[in-house]
């Protein structure tokens, strides 16, 4: 997350910046996360 550059993609808008990196972020926990509150500025990582 810190070392890689992330490109802002054309799918970005007021909801959020959709970012693309050469190497995706891998999860250590693959369980389904129960819904929880999100803050402006949150960096959320979907399955991709």
ModelCIF file with pLDDT and N, C-alpha, C, O atoms, coordinates in Angstrom:
data_MODEL
#
_entry.id   MODEL 
#
_entity.id                         1 
_entity.type                       polymer 
_entity.pdbx_number_of_molecules   1 
#
_entity_poly.entity_id                      1 
_entity_poly.type                           'polypeptide(L)' 
_entity_poly.nstd_linkage                   no 
_entity_poly.nstd_monomer                   no 
_entity_poly.pdbx_seq_one_letter_code       
;(UNK)(UNK)(UNK)(UNK)(UNK)(UNK)(UNK)(UNK)(UNK)(UNK)(UNK)(UNK)(UNK)(UNK)(UNK)(UNK)
(UNK)(UNK)(UNK)(UNK)(UNK)(UNK)(UNK)(UNK)(UNK)(UNK)(UNK)(UNK)(UNK)(UNK)(UNK)(UNK)
(UNK)(UNK)(UNK)(UNK)(UNK)(UNK)(UNK)(UNK)(UNK)(UNK)(UNK)(UNK)(UNK)(UNK)(UNK)(UNK)
;
_entity_poly.pdbx_seq_one_letter_code_can   XXXXXXXXXXXXXXXXXXXXXXXXXXXXXXXXXXXXXXXXXXXXXXXX 
_entity_poly.pdbx_strand_id                 A 
#
loop_
_entity_poly_seq.entity_id 
_entity_poly_seq.num 
_entity_poly_seq.mon_id 
_entity_poly_seq.hetero 
1 1  UNK n 
1 2  UNK n 
1 3  UNK n 
1 4  UNK n 
1 5  UNK n 
1 6  UNK n 
1 7  UNK n 
1 8  UNK n 
1 9  UNK n 
1 10 UNK n 
1 11 UNK n 
1 12 UNK n 
1 13 UNK n 
1 14 UNK n 
1 15 UNK n 
1 16 UNK n 
1 17 UNK n 
1 18 UNK n 
1 19 UNK n 
1 20 UNK n 
1 21 UNK n 
1 22 UNK n 
1 23 UNK n 
1 24 UNK n 
1 25 UNK n 
1 26 UNK n 
1 27 UNK n 
1 28 UNK n 
1 29 UNK n 
1 30 UNK n 
1 31 UNK n 
1 32 UNK n 
1 33 UNK n 
1 34 UNK n 
1 35 UNK n 
1 36 UNK n 
1 37 UNK n 
1 38 UNK n 
1 39 UNK n 
1 40 UNK n 
1 41 UNK n 
1 42 UNK n 
1 43 UNK n 
1 44 UNK n 
1 45 UNK n 
1 46 UNK n 
1 47 UNK n 
1 48 UNK n 
#
_struct_asym.id          A 
_struct_asym.entity_id   1 
#
loop_
_ma_qa_metric.id 
_ma_qa_metric.mode 
_ma_qa_metric.name 
_ma_qa_metric.software_group_id 
_ma_qa_metric.type 
1 global pLDDT . pLDDT 
2 local  pLDDT . pLDDT 
#
_ma_qa_metric_global.metric_id      1 
_ma_qa_metric_global.metric_value   94.90 
_ma_qa_metric_global.model_id       1 
_ma_qa_metric_global.ordinal_id     1 
#
loop_
_ma_qa_metric_local.label_asym_id 
_ma_qa_metric_local.label_comp_id 
_ma_qa_metric_local.label_seq_id 
_ma_qa_metric_local.metric_id 
_ma_qa_metric_local.metric_value 
_ma_qa_metric_local.model_id 
_ma_qa_metric_local.ordinal_id 
A UNK 1  2 98.00 1 1  
A UNK 2  2 96.00 1 2  
A UNK 3  2 97.00 1 3  
A UNK 4  2 97.00 1 4  
A UNK 5  2 97.00 1 5  
A UNK 6  2 98.00 1 6  
A UNK 7  2 98.00 1 7  
A UNK 8  2 98.00 1 8  
A UNK 9  2 96.00 1 9  
A UNK 10 2 96.00 1 10 
A UNK 11 2 93.00 1 11 
A UNK 12 2 95.00 1 12 
A UNK 13 2 95.00 1 13 
A UNK 14 2 97.00 1 14 
A UNK 15 2 94.00 1 15 
A UNK 16 2 95.00 1 16 
A UNK 17 2 97.00 1 17 
A UNK 18 2 96.00 1 18 
A UNK 19 2 97.00 1 19 
A UNK 20 2 97.00 1 20 
A UNK 21 2 97.00 1 21 
A UNK 22 2 97.00 1 22 
A UNK 23 2 98.00 1 23 
A UNK 24 2 97.00 1 24 
A UNK 25 2 98.00 1 25 
A UNK 26 2 97.00 1 26 
A UNK 27 2 96.00 1 27 
A UNK 28 2 97.00 1 28 
A UNK 29 2 94.00 1 29 
A UNK 30 2 90.00 1 30 
A UNK 31 2 88.00 1 31 
A UNK 32 2 84.00 1 32 
A UNK 33 2 90.00 1 33 
A UNK 34 2 88.00 1 34 
A UNK 35 2 88.00 1 35 
A UNK 36 2 93.00 1 36 
A UNK 37 2 94.00 1 37 
A UNK 38 2 95.00 1 38 
A UNK 39 2 96.00 1 39 
A UNK 40 2 97.00 1 40 
A UNK 41 2 98.00 1 41 
A UNK 42 2 98.00 1 42 
A UNK 43 2 98.00 1 43 
A UNK 44 2 96.00 1 44 
A UNK 45 2 95.00 1 45 
A UNK 46 2 90.00 1 46 
A UNK 47 2 88.00 1 47 
A UNK 48 2 91.00 1 48 
#
loop_
_atom_site.group_PDB 
_atom_site.id 
_atom_site.type_symbol 
_atom_site.label_atom_id 
_atom_site.label_alt_id 
_atom_site.label_comp_id 
_atom_site.label_asym_id 
_atom_site.label_entity_id 
_atom_site.label_seq_id 
_atom_site.pdbx_PDB_ins_code 
_atom_site.Cartn_x 
_atom_site.Cartn_y 
_atom_site.Cartn_z 
_atom_site.occupancy 
_atom_site.B_iso_or_equiv 
_atom_site.pdbx_formal_charge 
_atom_site.auth_seq_id 
_atom_site.auth_comp_id 
_atom_site.auth_asym_id 
_atom_site.auth_atom_id 
_atom_site.pdbx_PDB_model_num 
ATOM 1   N N  . UNK A 1 1  ? 0.831   -1.204  0.000   1.00 98.00 ? 1  UNK A N  1 
ATOM 2   C CA . UNK A 1 1  ? 0.000   0.000   0.000   1.00 98.00 ? 1  UNK A CA 1 
ATOM 3   C C  . UNK A 1 1  ? 0.865   1.253   0.000   1.00 98.00 ? 1  UNK A C  1 
ATOM 4   O O  . UNK A 1 1  ? 0.548   2.236   -0.669  1.00 98.00 ? 1  UNK A O  1 
ATOM 5   N N  . UNK A 1 2  ? 1.959   1.211   0.754   1.00 96.00 ? 2  UNK A N  1 
ATOM 6   C CA . UNK A 1 2  ? 2.849   2.360   0.861   1.00 96.00 ? 2  UNK A CA 1 
ATOM 7   C C  . UNK A 1 2  ? 3.848   2.450   -0.290  1.00 96.00 ? 2  UNK A C  1 
ATOM 8   O O  . UNK A 1 2  ? 4.144   3.546   -0.765  1.00 96.00 ? 2  UNK A O  1 
ATOM 9   N N  . UNK A 1 3  ? 4.364   1.328   -0.737  1.00 97.00 ? 3  UNK A N  1 
ATOM 10  C CA . UNK A 1 3  ? 5.472   1.354   -1.692  1.00 97.00 ? 3  UNK A CA 1 
ATOM 11  C C  . UNK A 1 3  ? 5.034   1.493   -3.140  1.00 97.00 ? 3  UNK A C  1 
ATOM 12  O O  . UNK A 1 3  ? 5.799   1.982   -3.972  1.00 97.00 ? 3  UNK A O  1 
ATOM 13  N N  . UNK A 1 4  ? 3.817   1.071   -3.452  1.00 97.00 ? 4  UNK A N  1 
ATOM 14  C CA . UNK A 1 4  ? 3.370   1.049   -4.835  1.00 97.00 ? 4  UNK A CA 1 
ATOM 15  C C  . UNK A 1 4  ? 2.630   2.325   -5.211  1.00 97.00 ? 4  UNK A C  1 
ATOM 16  O O  . UNK A 1 4  ? 1.922   2.906   -4.389  1.00 97.00 ? 4  UNK A O  1 
ATOM 17  N N  . UNK A 1 5  ? 2.797   2.757   -6.461  1.00 97.00 ? 5  UNK A N  1 
ATOM 18  C CA . UNK A 1 5  ? 2.007   3.871   -6.992  1.00 97.00 ? 5  UNK A CA 1 
ATOM 19  C C  . UNK A 1 5  ? 0.643   3.339   -7.427  1.00 97.00 ? 5  UNK A C  1 
ATOM 20  O O  . UNK A 1 5  ? 0.541   2.242   -7.976  1.00 97.00 ? 5  UNK A O  1 
ATOM 21  N N  . UNK A 1 6  ? -0.398  4.124   -7.179  1.00 98.00 ? 6  UNK A N  1 
ATOM 22  C CA . UNK A 1 6  ? -1.764  3.750   -7.525  1.00 98.00 ? 6  UNK A CA 1 
ATOM 23  C C  . UNK A 1 6  ? -2.318  4.771   -8.513  1.00 98.00 ? 6  UNK A C  1 
ATOM 24  O O  . UNK A 1 6  ? -2.288  5.974   -8.252  1.00 98.00 ? 6  UNK A O  1 
ATOM 25  N N  . UNK A 1 7  ? -2.823  4.293   -9.644  1.00 98.00 ? 7  UNK A N  1 
ATOM 26  C CA . UNK A 1 7  ? -3.336  5.165   -10.701 1.00 98.00 ? 7  UNK A CA 1 
ATOM 27  C C  . UNK A 1 7  ? -4.827  5.424   -10.485 1.00 98.00 ? 7  UNK A C  1 
ATOM 28  O O  . UNK A 1 7  ? -5.592  4.494   -10.229 1.00 98.00 ? 7  UNK A O  1 
ATOM 29  N N  . UNK A 1 8  ? -5.237  6.689   -10.590 1.00 98.00 ? 8  UNK A N  1 
ATOM 30  C CA . UNK A 1 8  ? -6.648  7.050   -10.486 1.00 98.00 ? 8  UNK A CA 1 
ATOM 31  C C  . UNK A 1 8  ? -7.330  6.714   -11.807 1.00 98.00 ? 8  UNK A C  1 
ATOM 32  O O  . UNK A 1 8  ? -6.952  7.238   -12.855 1.00 98.00 ? 8  UNK A O  1 
ATOM 33  N N  . UNK A 1 9  ? -8.339  5.834   -11.758 1.00 96.00 ? 9  UNK A N  1 
ATOM 34  C CA . UNK A 1 9  ? -8.983  5.344   -12.980 1.00 96.00 ? 9  UNK A CA 1 
ATOM 35  C C  . UNK A 1 9  ? -10.174 6.225   -13.374 1.00 96.00 ? 9  UNK A C  1 
ATOM 36  O O  . UNK A 1 9  ? -10.675 7.002   -12.560 1.00 96.00 ? 9  UNK A O  1 
ATOM 37  N N  . UNK A 1 10 ? -10.626 6.097   -14.637 1.00 96.00 ? 10 UNK A N  1 
ATOM 38  C CA . UNK A 1 10 ? -11.764 6.909   -15.098 1.00 96.00 ? 10 UNK A CA 1 
ATOM 39  C C  . UNK A 1 10 ? -13.080 6.577   -14.391 1.00 96.00 ? 10 UNK A C  1 
ATOM 40  O O  . UNK A 1 10 ? -14.039 7.339   -14.515 1.00 96.00 ? 10 UNK A O  1 
ATOM 41  N N  . UNK A 1 11 ? -13.156 5.479   -13.662 1.00 93.00 ? 11 UNK A N  1 
ATOM 42  C CA . UNK A 1 11 ? -14.376 5.143   -12.937 1.00 93.00 ? 11 UNK A CA 1 
ATOM 43  C C  . UNK A 1 11 ? -14.521 5.934   -11.637 1.00 93.00 ? 11 UNK A C  1 
ATOM 44  O O  . UNK A 1 11 ? -15.485 5.733   -10.898 1.00 93.00 ? 11 UNK A O  1 
ATOM 45  N N  . UNK A 1 12 ? -13.589 6.817   -11.355 1.00 95.00 ? 12 UNK A N  1 
ATOM 46  C CA . UNK A 1 12 ? -13.627 7.618   -10.127 1.00 95.00 ? 12 UNK A CA 1 
ATOM 47  C C  . UNK A 1 12 ? -14.681 8.712   -10.232 1.00 95.00 ? 12 UNK A C  1 
ATOM 48  O O  . UNK A 1 12 ? -14.981 9.206   -11.318 1.00 95.00 ? 12 UNK A O  1 
ATOM 49  N N  . UNK A 1 13 ? -15.242 9.085   -9.067  1.00 95.00 ? 13 UNK A N  1 
ATOM 50  C CA . UNK A 1 13 ? -16.270 10.124  -9.022  1.00 95.00 ? 13 UNK A CA 1 
ATOM 51  C C  . UNK A 1 13 ? -16.378 10.663  -7.599  1.00 95.00 ? 13 UNK A C  1 
ATOM 52  O O  . UNK A 1 13 ? -15.463 10.478  -6.797  1.00 95.00 ? 13 UNK A O  1 
ATOM 53  N N  . UNK A 1 14 ? -17.482 11.324  -7.281  1.00 97.00 ? 14 UNK A N  1 
ATOM 54  C CA . UNK A 1 14 ? -17.638 11.890  -5.943  1.00 97.00 ? 14 UNK A CA 1 
ATOM 55  C C  . UNK A 1 14 ? -17.795 10.813  -4.870  1.00 97.00 ? 14 UNK A C  1 
ATOM 56  O O  . UNK A 1 14 ? -17.544 11.077  -3.694  1.00 97.00 ? 14 UNK A O  1 
ATOM 57  N N  . UNK A 1 15 ? -18.199 9.623   -5.251  1.00 94.00 ? 15 UNK A N  1 
ATOM 58  C CA . UNK A 1 15 ? -18.295 8.537   -4.272  1.00 94.00 ? 15 UNK A CA 1 
ATOM 59  C C  . UNK A 1 15 ? -16.910 8.109   -3.828  1.00 94.00 ? 15 UNK A C  1 
ATOM 60  O O  . UNK A 1 15 ? -16.685 7.874   -2.640  1.00 94.00 ? 15 UNK A O  1 
ATOM 61  N N  . UNK A 1 16 ? -15.981 8.004   -4.764  1.00 95.00 ? 16 UNK A N  1 
ATOM 62  C CA . UNK A 1 16 ? -14.636 7.602   -4.385  1.00 95.00 ? 16 UNK A CA 1 
ATOM 63  C C  . UNK A 1 16 ? -13.701 7.530   -5.572  1.00 95.00 ? 16 UNK A C  1 
ATOM 64  O O  . UNK A 1 16 ? -14.133 7.499   -6.725  1.00 95.00 ? 16 UNK A O  1 
ATOM 65  N N  . UNK A 1 17 ? -12.398 7.503   -5.268  1.00 97.00 ? 17 UNK A N  1 
ATOM 66  C CA . UNK A 1 17 ? -11.377 7.295   -6.284  1.00 97.00 ? 17 UNK A CA 1 
ATOM 67  C C  . UNK A 1 17 ? -11.147 5.796   -6.415  1.00 97.00 ? 17 UNK A C  1 
ATOM 68  O O  . UNK A 1 17 ? -10.744 5.138   -5.457  1.00 97.00 ? 17 UNK A O  1 
ATOM 69  N N  . UNK A 1 18 ? -11.402 5.266   -7.589  1.00 96.00 ? 18 UNK A N  1 
ATOM 70  C CA . UNK A 1 18 ? -11.090 3.858   -7.861  1.00 96.00 ? 18 UNK A CA 1 
ATOM 71  C C  . UNK A 1 18 ? -9.666  3.796   -8.368  1.00 96.00 ? 18 UNK A C  1 
ATOM 72  O O  . UNK A 1 18 ? -9.322  4.391   -9.389  1.00 96.00 ? 18 UNK A O  1 
ATOM 73  N N  . UNK A 1 19 ? -8.841  3.061   -7.632  1.00 97.00 ? 19 UNK A N  1 
ATOM 74  C CA . UNK A 1 19 ? -7.408  3.040   -7.883  1.00 97.00 ? 19 UNK A CA 1 
ATOM 75  C C  . UNK A 1 19 ? -6.986  1.709   -8.498  1.00 97.00 ? 19 UNK A C  1 
ATOM 76  O O  . UNK A 1 19 ? -7.615  0.679   -8.255  1.00 97.00 ? 19 UNK A O  1 
ATOM 77  N N  . UNK A 1 20 ? -5.920  1.736   -9.293  1.00 97.00 ? 20 UNK A N  1 
ATOM 78  C CA . UNK A 1 20 ? -5.385  0.527   -9.908  1.00 97.00 ? 20 UNK A CA 1 
ATOM 79  C C  . UNK A 1 20 ? -3.882  0.477   -9.674  1.00 97.00 ? 20 UNK A C  1 
ATOM 80  O O  . UNK A 1 20 ? -3.165  1.438   -9.954  1.00 97.00 ? 20 UNK A O  1 
ATOM 81  N N  . UNK A 1 21 ? -3.417  -0.653  -9.159  1.00 97.00 ? 21 UNK A N  1 
ATOM 82  C CA . UNK A 1 21 ? -1.991  -0.867  -8.956  1.00 97.00 ? 21 UNK A CA 1 
ATOM 83  C C  . UNK A 1 21 ? -1.537  -2.098  -9.701  1.00 97.00 ? 21 UNK A C  1 
ATOM 84  O O  . UNK A 1 21 ? -2.341  -2.975  -10.017 1.00 97.00 ? 21 UNK A O  1 
ATOM 85  N N  . UNK A 1 22 ? -0.245  -2.166  -9.983  1.00 97.00 ? 22 UNK A N  1 
ATOM 86  C CA . UNK A 1 22 ? 0.296   -3.320  -10.722 1.00 97.00 ? 22 UNK A CA 1 
ATOM 87  C C  . UNK A 1 22 ? 0.059   -4.617  -9.963  1.00 97.00 ? 22 UNK A C  1 
ATOM 88  O O  . UNK A 1 22 ? -0.233  -5.645  -10.575 1.00 97.00 ? 22 UNK A O  1 
ATOM 89  N N  . UNK A 1 23 ? 0.180   -4.585  -8.632  1.00 98.00 ? 23 UNK A N  1 
ATOM 90  C CA . UNK A 1 23 ? -0.020  -5.766  -7.803  1.00 98.00 ? 23 UNK A CA 1 
ATOM 91  C C  . UNK A 1 23 ? -1.189  -5.498  -6.869  1.00 98.00 ? 23 UNK A C  1 
ATOM 92  O O  . UNK A 1 23 ? -1.130  -4.541  -6.097  1.00 98.00 ? 23 UNK A O  1 
ATOM 93  N N  . UNK A 1 24 ? -2.256  -6.304  -6.902  1.00 97.00 ? 24 UNK A N  1 
ATOM 94  C CA . UNK A 1 24 ? -3.393  -6.083  -5.989  1.00 97.00 ? 24 UNK A CA 1 
ATOM 95  C C  . UNK A 1 24 ? -3.025  -6.410  -4.551  1.00 97.00 ? 24 UNK A C  1 
ATOM 96  O O  . UNK A 1 24 ? -2.051  -7.118  -4.296  1.00 97.00 ? 24 UNK A O  1 
ATOM 97  N N  . UNK A 1 25 ? -3.806  -5.893  -3.617  1.00 98.00 ? 25 UNK A N  1 
ATOM 98  C CA . UNK A 1 25 ? -3.577  -6.133  -2.193  1.00 98.00 ? 25 UNK A CA 1 
ATOM 99  C C  . UNK A 1 25 ? -4.203  -7.470  -1.797  1.00 98.00 ? 25 UNK A C  1 
ATOM 100 O O  . UNK A 1 25 ? -5.393  -7.695  -2.015  1.00 98.00 ? 25 UNK A O  1 
ATOM 101 N N  . UNK A 1 26 ? -3.399  -8.345  -1.219  1.00 97.00 ? 26 UNK A N  1 
ATOM 102 C CA . UNK A 1 26 ? -3.864  -9.681  -0.838  1.00 97.00 ? 26 UNK A CA 1 
ATOM 103 C C  . UNK A 1 26 ? -4.350  -9.687  0.599   1.00 97.00 ? 26 UNK A C  1 
ATOM 104 O O  . UNK A 1 26 ? -3.766  -9.047  1.474   1.00 97.00 ? 26 UNK A O  1 
ATOM 105 N N  . UNK A 1 27 ? -5.438  -10.427 0.828   1.00 96.00 ? 27 UNK A N  1 
ATOM 106 C CA . UNK A 1 27 ? -6.006  -10.509 2.157   1.00 96.00 ? 27 UNK A CA 1 
ATOM 107 C C  . UNK A 1 27 ? -5.477  -11.716 2.904   1.00 96.00 ? 27 UNK A C  1 
ATOM 108 O O  . UNK A 1 27 ? -5.246  -12.773 2.318   1.00 96.00 ? 27 UNK A O  1 
ATOM 109 N N  . UNK A 1 28 ? -5.286  -11.548 4.215   1.00 97.00 ? 28 UNK A N  1 
ATOM 110 C CA . UNK A 1 28 ? -4.917  -12.654 5.092   1.00 97.00 ? 28 UNK A CA 1 
ATOM 111 C C  . UNK A 1 28 ? -6.163  -13.362 5.595   1.00 97.00 ? 28 UNK A C  1 
ATOM 112 O O  . UNK A 1 28 ? -6.142  -14.568 5.842   1.00 97.00 ? 28 UNK A O  1 
ATOM 113 N N  . UNK A 1 29 ? -7.259  -12.605 5.749   1.00 94.00 ? 29 UNK A N  1 
ATOM 114 C CA . UNK A 1 29 ? -8.534  -13.175 6.169   1.00 94.00 ? 29 UNK A CA 1 
ATOM 115 C C  . UNK A 1 29 ? -9.510  -13.097 5.000   1.00 94.00 ? 29 UNK A C  1 
ATOM 116 O O  . UNK A 1 29 ? -9.746  -12.027 4.438   1.00 94.00 ? 29 UNK A O  1 
ATOM 117 N N  . UNK A 1 30 ? -10.071 -14.252 4.644   1.00 90.00 ? 30 UNK A N  1 
ATOM 118 C CA . UNK A 1 30 ? -10.972 -14.309 3.496   1.00 90.00 ? 30 UNK A CA 1 
ATOM 119 C C  . UNK A 1 30 ? -12.433 -14.381 3.913   1.00 90.00 ? 30 UNK A C  1 
ATOM 120 O O  . UNK A 1 30 ? -13.318 -14.488 3.064   1.00 90.00 ? 30 UNK A O  1 
ATOM 121 N N  . UNK A 1 31 ? -12.693 -14.323 5.226   1.00 88.00 ? 31 UNK A N  1 
ATOM 122 C CA . UNK A 1 31 ? -14.065 -14.393 5.715   1.00 88.00 ? 31 UNK A CA 1 
ATOM 123 C C  . UNK A 1 31 ? -14.853 -13.163 5.266   1.00 88.00 ? 31 UNK A C  1 
ATOM 124 O O  . UNK A 1 31 ? -14.269 -12.151 4.880   1.00 88.00 ? 31 UNK A O  1 
ATOM 125 N N  . UNK A 1 32 ? -16.192 -13.258 5.320   1.00 84.00 ? 32 UNK A N  1 
ATOM 126 C CA . UNK A 1 32 ? -17.051 -12.126 4.980   1.00 84.00 ? 32 UNK A CA 1 
ATOM 127 C C  . UNK A 1 32 ? -17.121 -11.181 6.168   1.00 84.00 ? 32 UNK A C  1 
ATOM 128 O O  . UNK A 1 32 ? -17.449 -11.590 7.281   1.00 84.00 ? 32 UNK A O  1 
ATOM 129 N N  . UNK A 1 33 ? -16.811 -9.916  5.923   1.00 90.00 ? 33 UNK A N  1 
ATOM 130 C CA . UNK A 1 33 ? -16.819 -8.916  6.989   1.00 90.00 ? 33 UNK A CA 1 
ATOM 131 C C  . UNK A 1 33 ? -18.243 -8.397  7.188   1.00 90.00 ? 33 UNK A C  1 
ATOM 132 O O  . UNK A 1 33 ? -18.861 -7.936  6.229   1.00 90.00 ? 33 UNK A O  1 
ATOM 133 N N  . UNK A 1 34 ? -18.779 -8.462  8.415   1.00 88.00 ? 34 UNK A N  1 
ATOM 134 C CA . UNK A 1 34 ? -20.097 -7.852  8.647   1.00 88.00 ? 34 UNK A CA 1 
ATOM 135 C C  . UNK A 1 34 ? -20.051 -6.363  8.325   1.00 88.00 ? 34 UNK A C  1 
ATOM 136 O O  . UNK A 1 34 ? -19.025 -5.711  8.521   1.00 88.00 ? 34 UNK A O  1 
ATOM 137 N N  . UNK A 1 35 ? -21.159 -5.830  7.835   1.00 88.00 ? 35 UNK A N  1 
ATOM 138 C CA . UNK A 1 35 ? -21.211 -4.404  7.486   1.00 88.00 ? 35 UNK A CA 1 
ATOM 139 C C  . UNK A 1 35 ? -20.809 -3.552  8.673   1.00 88.00 ? 35 UNK A C  1 
ATOM 140 O O  . UNK A 1 35 ? -21.205 -3.828  9.806   1.00 88.00 ? 35 UNK A O  1 
ATOM 141 N N  . UNK A 1 36 ? -20.017 -2.508  8.413   1.00 93.00 ? 36 UNK A N  1 
ATOM 142 C CA . UNK A 1 36 ? -19.640 -1.576  9.470   1.00 93.00 ? 36 UNK A CA 1 
ATOM 143 C C  . UNK A 1 36 ? -19.515 -0.174  8.897   1.00 93.00 ? 36 UNK A C  1 
ATOM 144 O O  . UNK A 1 36 ? -19.386 0.010   7.686   1.00 93.00 ? 36 UNK A O  1 
ATOM 145 N N  . UNK A 1 37 ? -19.555 0.819   9.792   1.00 94.00 ? 37 UNK A N  1 
ATOM 146 C CA . UNK A 1 37 ? -19.515 2.210   9.363   1.00 94.00 ? 37 UNK A CA 1 
ATOM 147 C C  . UNK A 1 37 ? -18.223 2.548   8.648   1.00 94.00 ? 37 UNK A C  1 
ATOM 148 O O  . UNK A 1 37 ? -17.159 2.026   8.980   1.00 94.00 ? 37 UNK A O  1 
ATOM 149 N N  . UNK A 1 38 ? -18.328 3.430   7.659   1.00 95.00 ? 38 UNK A N  1 
ATOM 150 C CA . UNK A 1 38 ? -17.152 3.885   6.922   1.00 95.00 ? 38 UNK A CA 1 
ATOM 151 C C  . UNK A 1 38 ? -17.040 5.400   7.029   1.00 95.00 ? 38 UNK A C  1 
ATOM 152 O O  . UNK A 1 38 ? -18.044 6.106   7.126   1.00 95.00 ? 38 UNK A O  1 
ATOM 153 N N  . UNK A 1 39 ? -15.813 5.882   7.011   1.00 96.00 ? 39 UNK A N  1 
ATOM 154 C CA . UNK A 1 39 ? -15.543 7.316   7.138   1.00 96.00 ? 39 UNK A CA 1 
ATOM 155 C C  . UNK A 1 39 ? -15.087 7.882   5.795   1.00 96.00 ? 39 UNK A C  1 
ATOM 156 O O  . UNK A 1 39 ? -14.565 7.155   4.951   1.00 96.00 ? 39 UNK A O  1 
ATOM 157 N N  . UNK A 1 40 ? -15.286 9.160   5.610   1.00 97.00 ? 40 UNK A N  1 
ATOM 158 C CA . UNK A 1 40 ? -14.727 9.826   4.436   1.00 97.00 ? 40 UNK A CA 1 
ATOM 159 C C  . UNK A 1 40 ? -13.203 9.681   4.488   1.00 97.00 ? 40 UNK A C  1 
ATOM 160 O O  . UNK A 1 40 ? -12.581 9.949   5.516   1.00 97.00 ? 40 UNK A O  1 
ATOM 161 N N  . UNK A 1 41 ? -12.624 9.263   3.391   1.00 98.00 ? 41 UNK A N  1 
ATOM 162 C CA . UNK A 1 41 ? -11.185 9.016   3.345   1.00 98.00 ? 41 UNK A CA 1 
ATOM 163 C C  . UNK A 1 41 ? -10.813 7.564   3.527   1.00 98.00 ? 41 UNK A C  1 
ATOM 164 O O  . UNK A 1 41 ? -9.645  7.206   3.374   1.00 98.00 ? 41 UNK A O  1 
ATOM 165 N N  . UNK A 1 42 ? -11.795 6.700   3.855   1.00 98.00 ? 42 UNK A N  1 
ATOM 166 C CA . UNK A 1 42 ? -11.513 5.280   4.051   1.00 98.00 ? 42 UNK A CA 1 
ATOM 167 C C  . UNK A 1 42 ? -11.006 4.646   2.758   1.00 98.00 ? 42 UNK A C  1 
ATOM 168 O O  . UNK A 1 42 ? -11.508 4.943   1.674   1.00 98.00 ? 42 UNK A O  1 
ATOM 169 N N  . UNK A 1 43 ? -10.011 3.771   2.880   1.00 98.00 ? 43 UNK A N  1 
ATOM 170 C CA . UNK A 1 43 ? -9.478  3.037   1.733   1.00 98.00 ? 43 UNK A CA 1 
ATOM 171 C C  . UNK A 1 43 ? -10.015 1.613   1.849   1.00 98.00 ? 43 UNK A C  1 
ATOM 172 O O  . UNK A 1 43 ? -9.457  0.780   2.563   1.00 98.00 ? 43 UNK A O  1 
ATOM 173 N N  . UNK A 1 44 ? -11.098 1.350   1.140   1.00 96.00 ? 44 UNK A N  1 
ATOM 174 C CA . UNK A 1 44 ? -11.760 0.052   1.203   1.00 96.00 ? 44 UNK A CA 1 
ATOM 175 C C  . UNK A 1 44 ? -11.214 -0.842  0.089   1.00 96.00 ? 44 UNK A C  1 
ATOM 176 O O  . UNK A 1 44 ? -10.966 -0.380  -1.025  1.00 96.00 ? 44 UNK A O  1 
ATOM 177 N N  . UNK A 1 45 ? -11.031 -2.121  0.403   1.00 95.00 ? 45 UNK A N  1 
ATOM 178 C CA . UNK A 1 45 ? -10.432 -3.043  -0.563  1.00 95.00 ? 45 UNK A CA 1 
ATOM 179 C C  . UNK A 1 45 ? -11.415 -4.166  -0.887  1.00 95.00 ? 45 UNK A C  1 
ATOM 180 O O  . UNK A 1 45 ? -11.635 -5.048  -0.057  1.00 95.00 ? 45 UNK A O  1 
ATOM 181 N N  . UNK A 1 46 ? -12.010 -4.146  -2.085  1.00 90.00 ? 46 UNK A N  1 
ATOM 182 C CA . UNK A 1 46 ? -12.917 -5.221  -2.505  1.00 90.00 ? 46 UNK A CA 1 
ATOM 183 C C  . UNK A 1 46 ? -12.129 -6.477  -2.879  1.00 90.00 ? 46 UNK A C  1 
ATOM 184 O O  . UNK A 1 46 ? -10.899 -6.465  -2.837  1.00 90.00 ? 46 UNK A O  1 
ATOM 185 N N  . UNK A 1 47 ? -12.821 -7.560  -3.243  1.00 88.00 ? 47 UNK A N  1 
ATOM 186 C CA . UNK A 1 47 ? -12.117 -8.803  -3.573  1.00 88.00 ? 47 UNK A CA 1 
ATOM 187 C C  . UNK A 1 47 ? -11.070 -8.680  -4.679  1.00 88.00 ? 47 UNK A C  1 
ATOM 188 O O  . UNK A 1 47 ? -10.132 -9.475  -4.723  1.00 88.00 ? 47 UNK A O  1 
ATOM 189 N N  . UNK A 1 48 ? -11.212 -7.703  -5.568  1.00 91.00 ? 48 UNK A N  1 
ATOM 190 C CA . UNK A 1 48 ? -10.226 -7.522  -6.638  1.00 91.00 ? 48 UNK A CA 1 
ATOM 191 C C  . UNK A 1 48 ? -8.850  -7.128  -6.113  1.00 91.00 ? 48 UNK A C  1 
ATOM 192 O O  . UNK A 1 48 ? -7.920  -6.942  -6.898  1.00 91.00 ? 48 UNK A O  1 
#
